[in-house]
Amino acid sequence: MGNIYLICAMISGRLFAIVGAYLVSLTLAPQISAIAYVVSGLSTAIPGMIIQLIFIPILVSLLLKNKEVAKAIA
């Protein structure tokens, strides 16, 4: 269930980046292509997303096994 929130956060972040790039390309920097920004942003973001999907659930499970952390959360 936790991975769903992580994936939704990553997708929403990419959507905001796309909207931001589009607005910047319309207003401040019309010579910059929004499509080029989005493609380059996604190509560099995908490895980071994969790493997050692997390591964040592991980190959360390790933290929840710690008695002090579990006590602080409860």
C-alpha atoms as a PDB file:
ATOM      1  CA  MET A   1       0.000   0.000   0.000  1.00  0.00           C
ATOM      2  CA  GLY A   2       2.885   2.358   0.764  1.00  0.00           C
ATOM      3  CA  ASN A   3       4.282   1.924  -2.745  1.00  0.00           C
ATOM      4  CA  ILE A   4       1.037   3.301  -4.179  1.00  0.00           C
ATOM      5  CA  TYR A   5       1.574   6.607  -2.350  1.00  0.00           C
ATOM      6  CA  LEU A   6       5.176   6.735  -3.492  1.00  0.00           C
ATOM      7  CA  ILE A   7       4.231   6.088  -7.125  1.00  0.00           C
ATOM      8  CA  CYS A   8       1.435   8.693  -6.989  1.00  0.00           C
ATOM      9  CA  ALA A   9       3.850  11.255  -5.542  1.00  0.00           C
ATOM     10  CA  MET A  10       6.371  10.558  -8.304  1.00  0.00           C
ATOM     11  CA  ILE A  11       3.745  10.803 -11.038  1.00  0.00           C
ATOM     12  CA  SER A  12       2.279  14.019  -9.629  1.00  0.00           C
ATOM     13  CA  GLY A  13       5.767  15.499  -9.413  1.00  0.00           C
ATOM     14  CA  ARG A  14       6.386  14.709 -13.072  1.00  0.00           C
ATOM     15  CA  LEU A  15       2.991  16.215 -14.015  1.00  0.00           C
ATOM     16  CA  PHE A  16       3.811  19.446 -12.188  1.00  0.00           C
ATOM     17  CA  ALA A  17       7.189  19.518 -13.942  1.00  0.00           C
ATOM     18  CA  ILE A  18       5.455  19.136 -17.313  1.00  0.00           C
ATOM     19  CA  VAL A  19       2.973  21.918 -16.551  1.00  0.00           C
ATOM     20  CA  GLY A  20       5.763  24.142 -15.263  1.00  0.00           C
ATOM     21  CA  ALA A  21       7.884  23.550 -18.344  1.00  0.00           C
ATOM     22  CA  TYR A  22       4.933  24.315 -20.581  1.00  0.00           C
ATOM     23  CA  LEU A  23       4.187  27.581 -18.772  1.00  0.00           C
ATOM     24  CA  VAL A  24       7.828  28.649 -18.853  1.00  0.00           C
ATOM     25  CA  SER A  25       8.075  27.836 -22.550  1.00  0.00           C
ATOM     26  CA  LEU A  26       5.016  29.982 -23.238  1.00  0.00           C
ATOM     27  CA  THR A  27       5.957  32.980 -21.137  1.00  0.00           C
ATOM     28  CA  LEU A  28       9.596  33.390 -20.165  1.00  0.00           C
ATOM     29  CA  ALA A  29      11.590  31.320 -22.598  1.00  0.00           C
ATOM     30  CA  PRO A  30       9.764  30.653 -25.851  1.00  0.00           C
ATOM     31  CA  GLN A  31      12.981  29.425 -27.498  1.00  0.00           C
ATOM     32  CA  ILE A  32      13.106  26.437 -25.103  1.00  0.00           C
ATOM     33  CA  SER A  33      11.048  23.453 -26.203  1.00  0.00           C
ATOM     34  CA  ALA A  34       8.794  22.082 -23.465  1.00  0.00           C
ATOM     35  CA  ILE A  35       8.833  18.641 -25.091  1.00  0.00           C
ATOM     36  CA  ALA A  36      12.633  18.492 -24.999  1.00  0.00           C
ATOM     37  CA  TYR A  37      12.584  19.453 -21.314  1.00  0.00           C
ATOM     38  CA  VAL A  38       9.988  16.803 -20.475  1.00  0.00           C
ATOM     39  CA  VAL A  39      11.794  14.050 -22.402  1.00  0.00           C
ATOM     40  CA  SER A  40      15.151  14.871 -20.836  1.00  0.00           C
ATOM     41  CA  GLY A  41      13.562  15.180 -17.407  1.00  0.00           C
ATOM     42  CA  LEU A  42      11.866  11.804 -17.673  1.00  0.00           C
ATOM     43  CA  SER A  43      14.977  10.093 -18.991  1.00  0.00           C
ATOM     44  CA  THR A  44      16.954  11.273 -15.986  1.00  0.00           C
ATOM     45  CA  ALA A  45      14.115  10.739 -13.497  1.00  0.00           C
ATOM     46  CA  ILE A  46      13.282   7.120 -14.309  1.00  0.00           C
ATOM     47  CA  PRO A  47      16.454   5.629 -12.759  1.00  0.00           C
ATOM     48  CA  GLY A  48      15.842   7.681  -9.610  1.00  0.00           C
ATOM     49  CA  MET A  49      12.236   6.502  -9.465  1.00  0.00           C
ATOM     50  CA  ILE A  50      13.336   2.881  -9.715  1.00  0.00           C
ATOM     51  CA  ILE A  51      15.886   3.374  -6.947  1.00  0.00           C
ATOM     52  CA  GLN A  52      13.224   4.984  -4.752  1.00  0.00           C
ATOM     53  CA  LEU A  53      10.796   2.122  -5.373  1.00  0.00           C
ATOM     54  CA  ILE A  54      13.455  -0.336  -4.232  1.00  0.00           C
ATOM     55  CA  PHE A  55      15.072   1.424  -1.287  1.00  0.00           C
ATOM     56  CA  ILE A  56      12.303   3.467   0.384  1.00  0.00           C
ATOM     57  CA  PRO A  57      10.131   0.420   1.277  1.00  0.00           C
ATOM     58  CA  ILE A  58      13.231  -1.321   2.633  1.00  0.00           C
ATOM     59  CA  LEU A  59      14.128   1.739   4.701  1.00  0.00           C
ATOM     60  CA  VAL A  60      10.582   2.060   6.076  1.00  0.00           C
ATOM     61  CA  SER A  61      10.439  -1.599   7.064  1.00  0.00           C
ATOM     62  CA  LEU A  62      13.815  -1.309   8.807  1.00  0.00           C
ATOM     63  CA  LEU A  63      12.673   1.787  10.675  1.00  0.00           C
ATOM     64  CA  LEU A  64       9.427   0.137  11.757  1.00  0.00           C
ATOM     65  CA  LYS A  65      11.364  -2.812  13.172  1.00  0.00           C
ATOM     66  CA  ASN A  66      13.177  -0.421  15.500  1.00  0.00           C
ATOM     67  CA  LYS A  67      11.281  -0.391  18.812  1.00  0.00           C
ATOM     68  CA  GLU A  68      11.956   3.279  19.531  1.00  0.00           C
ATOM     69  CA  VAL A  69      10.723   4.405  16.124  1.00  0.00           C
ATOM     70  CA  ALA A  70       7.642   2.186  16.305  1.00  0.00           C
ATOM     71  CA  LYS A  71       6.888   3.559  19.775  1.00  0.00           C
ATOM     72  CA  ALA A  72       7.227   7.166  18.533  1.00  0.00           C
ATOM     73  CA  ILE A  73       4.884   6.514  15.610  1.00  0.00           C
ATOM     74  CA  ALA A  74       2.202   4.799  17.712  1.00  0.00           C
END
